[in-house]
Structures are given as C-alpha cells and as structure tokens.
C-alpha atoms as a PDB file:
ATOM      1  CA  MET A   1       0.000   0.000   0.000  1.00  0.00           C
ATOM      2  CA  GLY A   2       2.505   2.637   1.104  1.00  0.00           C
ATOM      3  CA  GLY A   3       1.973   6.336   1.327  1.00  0.00           C
ATOM      4  CA  SER A   4       1.977   8.527   4.330  1.00  0.00           C
ATOM      5  CA  ARG A   5      -0.817  10.237   6.128  1.00  0.00           C
ATOM      6  CA  ASP A   6       0.310  13.576   4.670  1.00  0.00           C
ATOM      7  CA  GLU A   7       0.113  12.221   1.124  1.00  0.00           C
ATOM      8  CA  ALA A   8      -3.406  10.980   1.755  1.00  0.00           C
ATOM      9  CA  ALA A   9      -4.441  14.349   3.177  1.00  0.00           C
ATOM     10  CA  ASN A  10      -2.916  16.164   0.192  1.00  0.00           C
ATOM     11  CA  GLY A  11      -4.732  13.902  -2.254  1.00  0.00           C
ATOM     12  CA  ARG A  12      -8.015  14.420  -0.431  1.00  0.00           C
ATOM     13  CA  LYS A  13      -7.533  18.185  -0.410  1.00  0.00           C
ATOM     14  CA  ARG A  14      -6.705  18.185  -4.123  1.00  0.00           C
ATOM     15  CA  ARG A  15      -9.864  16.176  -4.945  1.00  0.00           C
ATOM     16  CA  LEU A  16     -12.017  18.545  -2.889  1.00  0.00           C
ATOM     17  CA  GLN A  17     -10.519  21.588  -4.602  1.00  0.00           C
ATOM     18  CA  TYR A  18     -11.106  20.040  -8.021  1.00  0.00           C
ATOM     19  CA  ALA A  19     -14.702  19.214  -7.112  1.00  0.00           C
ATOM     20  CA  ALA A  20     -15.307  22.765  -5.892  1.00  0.00           C
ATOM     21  CA  LEU A  21     -13.842  24.311  -9.034  1.00  0.00           C
ATOM     22  CA  SER A  22     -15.733  22.040 -11.401  1.00  0.00           C
ATOM     23  CA  GLY A  23     -18.962  22.665  -9.505  1.00  0.00           C
ATOM     24  CA  ALA A  24     -18.422  26.419  -9.674  1.00  0.00           C
ATOM     25  CA  ALA A  25     -17.746  26.230 -13.405  1.00  0.00           C
ATOM     26  CA  ALA A  26     -20.835  24.105 -13.959  1.00  0.00           C
ATOM     27  CA  MET A  27     -23.022  26.596 -12.080  1.00  0.00           C
ATOM     28  CA  ALA A  28     -21.567  29.643 -13.849  1.00  0.00           C
ATOM     29  CA  VAL A  29     -23.100  28.674 -17.195  1.00  0.00           C
ATOM     30  CA  PRO A  30     -26.767  28.463 -16.088  1.00  0.00           C
ATOM     31  CA  ALA A  31     -26.346  31.512 -13.849  1.00  0.00           C
ATOM     32  CA  THR A  32     -25.022  33.572 -16.740  1.00  0.00           C
ATOM     33  CA  ALA A  33     -27.772  32.337 -19.044  1.00  0.00           C
ATOM     34  CA  ALA A  34     -30.428  33.220 -16.468  1.00  0.00           C
ATOM     35  CA  ALA A  35     -28.992  36.706 -15.938  1.00  0.00           C
ATOM     36  CA  VAL A  36     -28.911  37.388 -19.670  1.00  0.00           C
ATOM     37  CA  ALA A  37     -32.422  36.007 -20.144  1.00  0.00           C
ATOM     38  CA  LEU A  38     -33.838  38.130 -17.340  1.00  0.00           C
ATOM     39  CA  GLY A  39     -31.978  41.201 -18.557  1.00  0.00           C
ATOM     40  CA  THR A  40     -33.194  40.882 -22.121  1.00  0.00           C
ATOM     41  CA  LYS A  41     -36.715  40.074 -20.956  1.00  0.00           C
ATOM     42  CA  GLY A  42     -36.653  43.289 -18.931  1.00  0.00           C
ATOM     43  CA  GLY A  43     -35.807  45.232 -22.063  1.00  0.00           C
ATOM     44  CA  LEU A  44     -32.299  46.182 -20.936  1.00  0.00           C
ATOM     45  CA  PRO A  45     -29.555  46.662 -23.522  1.00  0.00           C
ATOM     46  CA  TRP A  46     -27.008  43.861 -23.665  1.00  0.00           C
ATOM     47  CA  TRP A  47     -24.220  46.093 -22.360  1.00  0.00           C
ATOM     48  CA  VAL A  48     -26.175  46.865 -19.193  1.00  0.00           C
ATOM     49  CA  VAL A  49     -26.700  43.160 -18.585  1.00  0.00           C
ATOM     50  CA  ALA A  50     -23.002  42.434 -19.260  1.00  0.00           C
ATOM     51  CA  ALA A  51     -21.868  45.245 -16.934  1.00  0.00           C
ATOM     52  CA  GLY A  52     -24.053  43.999 -14.081  1.00  0.00           C
END
C-alpha cells in the first residue's frame, strides 16, 4: 500500500478543490444564461446586462 498520512491528506484536499472548481464552473453557465435572459426580458440593452 505505502503512502503517508500527509500524502493521503494532500490527495483528499486536491480532490475537494477540483470538485469545488468544477462545480463552480458548472453553475456559472446556467447563472449567466439566467442573468442574460432576465436582462433581455426586462428590455435592458445587452451592455447593461453584461456590466451587471
């Protein structure tokens, strides 16, 4: 088996960081789409929606 406790903790931390980043990236797409859809539905120019 091998490996120290520190190596296991580092691997666990790395997996959690990767999961957090991939989850954030996955949520950014629908959030951006919703913001643009609501902005255009409200009759705002695209540059106002992009600046917000």
